[in-house]
Amino acid sequence: MTRDREGEGVTSRHRARGGARLRVAAFALFSGLLFGLSGCHEEEVGALRVGTNVWPGYEPLYLARGLNYLGHRVRLVEYASATQVMRAFRNGAIDAAALTLDESLQLIDHGQNVEVVLVMDQAPAAGSIVTHGKRASVAALKGGRVGVEGTAHEGYLLARALDQAGLSVDDVHIVPLTAEEHERAFIEGRVDAVVTVEPERGRLLELGAVPVWNSAEIPDPMPGLMVVRSEALPRYRHHLKTLLDGWFRAVRYLHEYPDDAAERMQRRLRVPLETMPGLLQTAVYPDRNENLRLLDDTDSPLHRAAGTVAGHMTAYRLMVREGATGVRLNAALLKDMRP
């Protein structure tokens, strides 16, 4: 009897140990599956793709990347022109973009659902018209050839300048040019004037171009904005917080270490280092508090500006469906950030 009881005790202990092993194995398997699913989710989300073209108003993004403020969550995708950025957004190649107010309205007019999460640049004079000098005013451009990236910001600026001079786009010959084509077209004399922004404007002035108009002559604000596809906002919420935090950190770095920041930014802008102080003065980067004021959906100056700009764009036939009269503002991400 004693042996039988001892045998039963040994068997019970073996069964208990076996059950414990099974429970541990099951827990390990469950944890592995859970970790794997979590890893797959992270891999699915990937990096937030942000499209930009070269412009001083957007440059702190690249300063942030160079300083490793964006980490692996944000991927900056560089395009040669704003037209290419807008096309990439419409095609779904990117989910966020740095664009001017009028370019953002064009995206909305093409049926894109976008929201503004950051005002990047408030510079009043972001564009110019420069000529060879023979045509010393906008009015003198009548019958002339004007190089312009017609579907983006420069097309809007040309329409406004011509309107102020009593002309219309039908009074000039439009020569479609992307930003990288401005310099060659000007040198070869294929155009009498070019509508341009920095840094191309500075290069053209070095070649002898004469400025005859700049966008400070129109009263409507035309800020540079960070816009995000509405459907992508929940998916990339943490990524966007990283993006905004990196942006403001880079702007602070620019103010605290201007010489080092200028040297870092000069490499990508491809301009002489000594011209950087003047170039950076063409951009005005609003801080977080100013952004909160601008993105206040109840009483935002951006709403008023968008309505005015949309009216002009409709009159200049820069709208397709005439449906984009405003922009959606989203200050939630900024409010979640620490002051």
Protein backbone atom coordinates (compact mmCIF):
# COMPACT_ATOMS: atom_id res chain seq x y z
CA MET A 1 0.00 0.00 0.00
CA THR A 2 2.79 2.34 0.85
CA ARG A 3 4.52 1.76 -2.49
CA ASP A 4 1.26 2.29 -4.36
CA ARG A 5 0.67 5.59 -2.58
CA GLU A 6 4.25 6.68 -3.22
CA GLY A 7 3.83 5.78 -6.89
CA GLU A 8 0.62 7.73 -7.09
CA GLY A 9 2.38 10.72 -5.47
CA VAL A 10 5.23 10.56 -7.97
CA THR A 11 2.76 10.30 -10.85
CA SER A 12 0.78 13.30 -9.55
CA ARG A 13 3.94 15.38 -9.27
CA HIS A 14 4.90 14.44 -12.86
CA ARG A 15 1.42 15.39 -14.05
CA ALA A 16 1.62 18.75 -12.22
CA ARG A 17 5.04 19.50 -13.70
CA GLY A 18 3.81 18.50 -17.15
CA GLY A 19 0.78 20.78 -16.82
CA ALA A 20 2.98 23.66 -15.70
CA ARG A 21 5.26 23.12 -18.69
CA LEU A 22 2.27 23.15 -21.02
CA ARG A 23 0.99 26.39 -19.46
CA VAL A 24 4.41 28.04 -19.81
CA ALA A 25 4.69 26.87 -23.42
CA ALA A 26 1.19 28.11 -24.21
CA PHE A 27 1.95 31.51 -22.62
CA ALA A 28 5.20 31.76 -24.57
CA LEU A 29 3.41 30.89 -27.80
CA PHE A 30 0.67 33.48 -27.11
CA SER A 31 3.27 36.14 -26.24
CA GLY A 32 5.19 35.35 -29.40
CA LEU A 33 2.08 35.66 -31.52
CA LEU A 34 1.13 38.91 -29.80
CA PHE A 35 4.62 40.35 -30.32
CA GLY A 36 4.58 39.19 -33.92
CA LEU A 37 1.25 40.86 -34.58
CA SER A 38 2.50 44.04 -32.95
CA GLY A 39 5.64 43.92 -35.07
CA CYS A 40 3.59 43.40 -38.22
CA HIS A 41 1.43 46.40 -37.31
CA GLU A 42 4.51 48.62 -36.88
CA GLU A 43 5.90 47.33 -40.17
CA GLU A 44 2.59 47.98 -41.92
CA VAL A 45 2.45 51.57 -40.72
CA GLY A 46 6.06 52.29 -41.63
CA ALA A 47 7.36 55.83 -41.92
CA LEU A 48 5.21 58.85 -42.66
CA ARG A 49 6.17 60.03 -46.17
CA VAL A 50 6.34 63.83 -46.40
CA GLY A 51 6.80 65.44 -49.81
CA THR A 52 8.59 68.78 -50.28
CA ASN A 53 10.37 70.83 -52.89
CA VAL A 54 13.35 73.13 -52.29
CA TRP A 55 12.28 76.35 -50.57
CA PRO A 56 13.73 78.20 -47.54
CA GLY A 57 10.31 78.13 -45.87
CA TYR A 58 10.48 74.32 -45.67
CA GLU A 59 14.19 73.94 -44.96
CA PRO A 60 13.98 73.37 -41.17
CA LEU A 61 12.50 69.97 -42.03
CA TYR A 62 15.84 68.95 -43.51
CA LEU A 63 17.75 70.56 -40.67
CA ALA A 64 15.64 68.39 -38.33
CA ARG A 65 16.50 65.30 -40.37
CA GLY A 66 20.21 66.15 -40.31
CA LEU A 67 20.09 66.60 -36.53
CA ASN A 68 18.29 63.24 -36.18
CA TYR A 69 15.17 64.81 -34.68
CA LEU A 70 12.85 62.84 -36.96
CA GLY A 71 14.16 59.34 -36.26
CA HIS A 72 12.73 56.46 -38.28
CA ARG A 73 9.11 57.59 -38.12
CA VAL A 74 9.33 60.36 -40.75
CA ARG A 75 10.71 60.03 -44.25
CA LEU A 76 11.23 63.23 -46.26
CA VAL A 77 10.69 62.74 -49.99
CA GLU A 78 12.36 65.44 -52.09
CA TYR A 79 10.82 66.57 -55.39
CA ALA A 80 12.09 69.03 -57.97
CA SER A 81 8.95 71.16 -57.94
CA ALA A 82 5.68 71.79 -56.11
CA THR A 83 3.84 70.40 -59.14
CA GLN A 84 5.56 67.06 -58.58
CA VAL A 85 4.71 67.16 -54.86
CA MET A 86 1.02 67.73 -55.65
CA ARG A 87 1.02 64.94 -58.23
CA ALA A 88 2.63 62.54 -55.74
CA PHE A 89 -0.02 63.43 -53.15
CA ARG A 90 -2.87 62.84 -55.59
CA ASN A 91 -1.35 59.50 -56.62
CA GLY A 92 -1.00 58.33 -53.00
CA ALA A 93 2.81 58.22 -53.05
CA ILE A 94 2.91 60.51 -49.99
CA ASP A 95 0.48 61.21 -47.15
CA ALA A 96 1.75 64.65 -46.09
CA ALA A 97 3.15 67.59 -48.03
CA ALA A 98 4.65 71.03 -47.58
CA LEU A 99 2.61 73.33 -49.83
CA THR A 100 1.48 76.94 -50.02
CA LEU A 101 -2.12 77.91 -49.29
CA ASP A 102 -3.06 78.19 -52.97
CA GLU A 103 -1.46 74.82 -53.77
CA SER A 104 -3.39 73.25 -50.89
CA LEU A 105 -6.61 74.70 -52.28
CA GLN A 106 -5.80 73.16 -55.65
CA LEU A 107 -5.43 69.74 -54.00
CA ILE A 108 -8.83 70.17 -52.33
CA ASP A 109 -10.30 71.29 -55.64
CA HIS A 110 -9.04 68.02 -57.15
CA GLY A 111 -11.02 66.05 -54.57
CA GLN A 112 -8.28 65.46 -51.98
CA ASN A 113 -9.27 65.44 -48.29
CA VAL A 114 -6.51 67.32 -46.51
CA GLU A 115 -6.05 68.99 -43.13
CA VAL A 116 -3.54 71.65 -42.10
CA VAL A 117 -1.51 70.63 -39.03
CA LEU A 118 1.26 73.26 -39.17
CA VAL A 119 1.89 76.74 -40.55
CA MET A 120 5.52 76.54 -41.59
CA ASP A 121 6.25 79.92 -43.16
CA GLN A 122 4.50 83.29 -43.03
CA ALA A 123 6.87 85.24 -45.28
CA PRO A 124 4.99 88.01 -47.13
CA ALA A 125 7.31 88.05 -50.16
CA ALA A 126 7.77 84.43 -51.21
CA GLY A 127 7.80 84.97 -54.98
CA SER A 128 9.07 87.37 -57.62
CA ILE A 129 8.89 88.17 -61.31
CA VAL A 130 12.30 88.86 -62.82
CA THR A 131 13.08 89.99 -66.37
CA HIS A 132 16.04 90.53 -68.69
CA GLY A 133 15.67 94.26 -68.12
CA LYS A 134 14.21 95.18 -71.51
CA ARG A 135 10.77 94.81 -69.97
CA ALA A 136 11.07 96.91 -66.84
CA SER A 137 7.55 96.41 -65.46
CA VAL A 138 4.76 93.87 -65.34
CA ALA A 139 2.75 95.98 -67.81
CA ALA A 140 5.68 95.73 -70.24
CA LEU A 141 5.29 91.95 -70.29
CA LYS A 142 2.30 92.21 -72.64
CA GLY A 143 3.01 89.97 -75.60
CA GLY A 144 6.11 88.58 -73.88
CA ARG A 145 7.12 85.05 -72.95
CA VAL A 146 6.85 84.31 -69.24
CA GLY A 147 8.30 81.17 -67.70
CA VAL A 148 6.12 79.80 -64.93
CA GLU A 149 5.27 76.60 -63.12
CA GLY A 150 1.65 77.10 -64.05
CA THR A 151 -0.11 74.57 -61.83
CA ALA A 152 1.55 75.68 -58.59
CA HIS A 153 2.21 78.79 -56.50
CA GLU A 154 3.98 80.71 -59.26
CA GLY A 155 0.96 80.46 -61.56
CA TYR A 156 -1.18 82.15 -58.95
CA LEU A 157 1.40 84.89 -58.39
CA LEU A 158 1.60 85.63 -62.12
CA ALA A 159 -2.18 85.93 -62.36
CA ARG A 160 -2.25 88.37 -59.43
CA ALA A 161 0.61 90.47 -60.82
CA LEU A 162 -0.97 90.70 -64.27
CA ASP A 163 -4.31 91.60 -62.74
CA GLN A 164 -2.71 94.47 -60.82
CA ALA A 165 -1.16 95.72 -64.07
CA GLY A 166 -4.49 95.59 -65.91
CA LEU A 167 -3.56 92.49 -67.89
CA SER A 168 -4.66 88.85 -67.92
CA VAL A 169 -2.88 85.58 -68.60
CA ASP A 170 -4.20 85.82 -72.17
CA ASP A 171 -1.98 88.89 -72.67
CA VAL A 172 1.27 86.92 -72.26
CA HIS A 173 2.71 83.73 -73.72
CA ILE A 174 3.06 81.18 -70.93
CA VAL A 175 6.16 78.99 -71.13
CA PRO A 176 5.75 76.04 -68.70
CA LEU A 177 8.94 75.63 -66.68
CA THR A 178 9.81 73.63 -63.60
CA ALA A 179 12.07 75.23 -61.01
CA GLU A 180 15.22 73.50 -62.24
CA GLU A 181 14.60 74.82 -65.78
CA HIS A 182 14.41 78.52 -64.84
CA GLU A 183 18.12 79.26 -65.06
CA ARG A 184 18.77 77.62 -68.43
CA ALA A 185 15.65 79.08 -70.04
CA PHE A 186 16.66 82.54 -68.84
CA ILE A 187 20.28 82.21 -70.06
CA GLU A 188 19.19 80.91 -73.46
CA GLY A 189 16.69 83.75 -73.88
CA ARG A 190 13.71 81.43 -74.28
CA VAL A 191 11.74 83.64 -71.90
CA ASP A 192 11.46 87.38 -71.30
CA ALA A 193 10.59 86.91 -67.64
CA VAL A 194 10.37 84.20 -65.01
CA VAL A 195 8.08 83.83 -62.00
CA THR A 196 10.34 82.38 -59.35
CA VAL A 197 11.00 81.80 -55.64
CA GLU A 198 14.16 81.32 -53.60
CA PRO A 199 16.73 79.92 -54.05
CA GLU A 200 16.25 80.10 -57.85
CA ARG A 201 15.48 83.82 -57.60
CA GLY A 202 18.92 84.52 -56.10
CA ARG A 203 20.67 82.58 -58.87
CA LEU A 204 18.77 84.51 -61.55
CA LEU A 205 19.66 87.84 -59.96
CA GLU A 206 23.33 86.83 -60.06
CA LEU A 207 22.89 86.29 -63.80
CA GLY A 208 21.66 89.85 -64.21
CA ALA A 209 17.91 89.37 -63.87
CA VAL A 210 15.95 92.46 -62.83
CA PRO A 211 13.12 92.09 -60.28
CA VAL A 212 9.96 93.91 -61.37
CA TRP A 213 7.42 92.53 -58.90
CA ASN A 214 7.24 90.52 -55.66
CA SER A 215 4.40 88.95 -53.74
CA ALA A 216 4.64 91.50 -50.93
CA GLU A 217 2.60 93.71 -53.28
CA ILE A 218 -0.52 91.62 -52.73
CA PRO A 219 -2.32 91.88 -49.37
CA ASP A 220 -3.44 88.26 -49.07
CA PRO A 221 -1.26 86.07 -46.83
CA MET A 222 0.15 83.04 -48.63
CA PRO A 223 1.69 80.85 -45.93
CA GLY A 224 3.56 77.61 -46.39
CA LEU A 225 1.60 74.77 -44.78
CA MET A 226 2.04 71.16 -43.73
CA VAL A 227 -1.03 69.33 -45.00
CA VAL A 228 -1.93 65.72 -44.24
CA ARG A 229 -4.37 63.35 -45.88
CA SER A 230 -7.40 63.21 -43.55
CA GLU A 231 -7.61 59.40 -43.65
CA ALA A 232 -3.94 59.15 -42.63
CA LEU A 233 -4.26 61.25 -39.46
CA PRO A 234 -5.31 58.43 -37.07
CA ARG A 235 -2.78 56.03 -38.58
CA TYR A 236 0.18 58.40 -38.31
CA ARG A 237 -0.70 60.34 -35.18
CA HIS A 238 2.54 59.50 -33.34
CA HIS A 239 4.58 60.07 -36.49
CA LEU A 240 3.05 63.53 -36.92
CA LYS A 241 3.88 64.42 -33.32
CA THR A 242 7.48 63.46 -34.05
CA LEU A 243 7.39 65.60 -37.18
CA LEU A 244 6.02 68.68 -35.38
CA ASP A 245 8.36 68.28 -32.43
CA GLY A 246 11.32 67.91 -34.80
CA TRP A 247 10.24 71.01 -36.73
CA PHE A 248 10.10 73.27 -33.67
CA ARG A 249 13.37 71.86 -32.32
CA ALA A 250 15.05 72.61 -35.65
CA VAL A 251 13.70 76.18 -35.70
CA ARG A 252 15.06 76.67 -32.14
CA TYR A 253 18.42 75.28 -33.27
CA LEU A 254 18.43 77.72 -36.18
CA HIS A 255 17.96 80.63 -33.75
CA GLU A 256 20.47 79.38 -31.17
CA TYR A 257 23.21 78.19 -33.55
CA PRO A 258 22.68 80.23 -36.74
CA ASP A 259 26.16 79.69 -38.17
CA ASP A 260 26.12 75.90 -37.87
CA ALA A 261 22.50 75.72 -39.05
CA ALA A 262 23.28 77.92 -42.07
CA GLU A 263 26.21 75.70 -43.02
CA ARG A 264 24.06 72.57 -42.80
CA MET A 265 21.20 74.12 -44.80
CA GLN A 266 23.48 75.65 -47.42
CA ARG A 267 24.59 72.25 -48.66
CA ARG A 268 21.10 71.25 -49.73
CA LEU A 269 20.02 74.68 -51.00
CA ARG A 270 23.23 74.82 -53.10
CA VAL A 271 23.87 78.53 -52.54
CA PRO A 272 27.04 80.32 -51.35
CA LEU A 273 27.35 80.27 -47.58
CA GLU A 274 27.67 84.06 -47.42
CA THR A 275 24.20 84.45 -48.96
CA MET A 276 22.48 82.31 -46.32
CA PRO A 277 21.67 85.09 -43.80
CA GLY A 278 19.79 87.07 -46.46
CA LEU A 279 18.14 83.94 -47.81
CA LEU A 280 16.87 82.88 -44.40
CA GLN A 281 15.37 86.33 -43.89
CA THR A 282 12.93 85.50 -46.68
CA ALA A 283 11.24 82.97 -44.37
CA VAL A 284 9.22 83.62 -41.19
CA TYR A 285 8.69 80.53 -39.03
CA PRO A 286 5.76 80.99 -36.58
CA ASP A 287 6.20 79.39 -33.16
CA ARG A 288 3.80 76.98 -31.48
CA ASN A 289 1.67 79.71 -29.88
CA GLU A 290 1.28 81.57 -33.15
CA ASN A 291 0.42 78.29 -34.85
CA LEU A 292 -2.31 77.64 -32.29
CA ARG A 293 -3.76 81.06 -33.06
CA LEU A 294 -3.61 80.49 -36.82
CA LEU A 295 -5.12 77.02 -36.58
CA ASP A 296 -7.93 78.05 -34.24
CA ASP A 297 -10.90 76.78 -36.21
CA THR A 298 -13.36 79.20 -34.57
CA ASP A 299 -11.69 82.43 -35.70
CA SER A 300 -8.71 81.73 -37.92
CA PRO A 301 -7.19 84.29 -40.29
CA LEU A 302 -6.35 81.29 -42.48
CA HIS A 303 -10.04 80.71 -43.16
CA ARG A 304 -10.47 84.30 -44.30
CA ALA A 305 -7.32 84.16 -46.43
CA ALA A 306 -8.40 80.88 -48.03
CA GLY A 307 -11.76 82.36 -49.04
CA THR A 308 -10.09 85.38 -50.64
CA VAL A 309 -7.43 83.33 -52.43
CA ALA A 310 -10.01 80.81 -53.66
CA GLY A 311 -12.05 83.67 -55.14
CA HIS A 312 -9.06 84.93 -57.09
CA MET A 313 -8.14 81.42 -58.23
CA THR A 314 -11.66 80.88 -59.56
CA ALA A 315 -11.50 84.17 -61.45
CA TYR A 316 -8.11 83.19 -62.93
CA ARG A 317 -9.39 79.74 -63.96
CA LEU A 318 -6.94 78.02 -61.61
CA MET A 319 -9.80 76.00 -60.11
CA VAL A 320 -11.22 72.91 -61.78
CA ARG A 321 -14.51 72.45 -59.96
CA GLU A 322 -14.64 75.75 -58.08
CA GLY A 323 -15.30 73.73 -54.93
CA ALA A 324 -12.32 74.57 -52.74
CA THR A 325 -13.25 77.64 -50.77
CA GLY A 326 -11.62 76.75 -47.47
CA VAL A 327 -9.21 74.50 -45.64
CA ARG A 328 -9.67 72.17 -42.68
CA LEU A 329 -7.55 73.21 -39.73
CA ASN A 330 -6.36 70.67 -37.16
CA ALA A 331 -4.68 72.04 -34.03
CA ALA A 332 -5.19 68.84 -31.98
CA LEU A 333 -1.63 67.62 -32.46
CA LEU A 334 -0.16 70.97 -31.44
CA LYS A 335 -2.38 71.09 -28.36
CA ASP A 336 -1.14 67.65 -27.31
CA MET A 337 2.48 68.79 -27.47
CA ARG A 338 4.18 70.14 -24.38
CA PRO A 339 4.61 73.95 -24.48
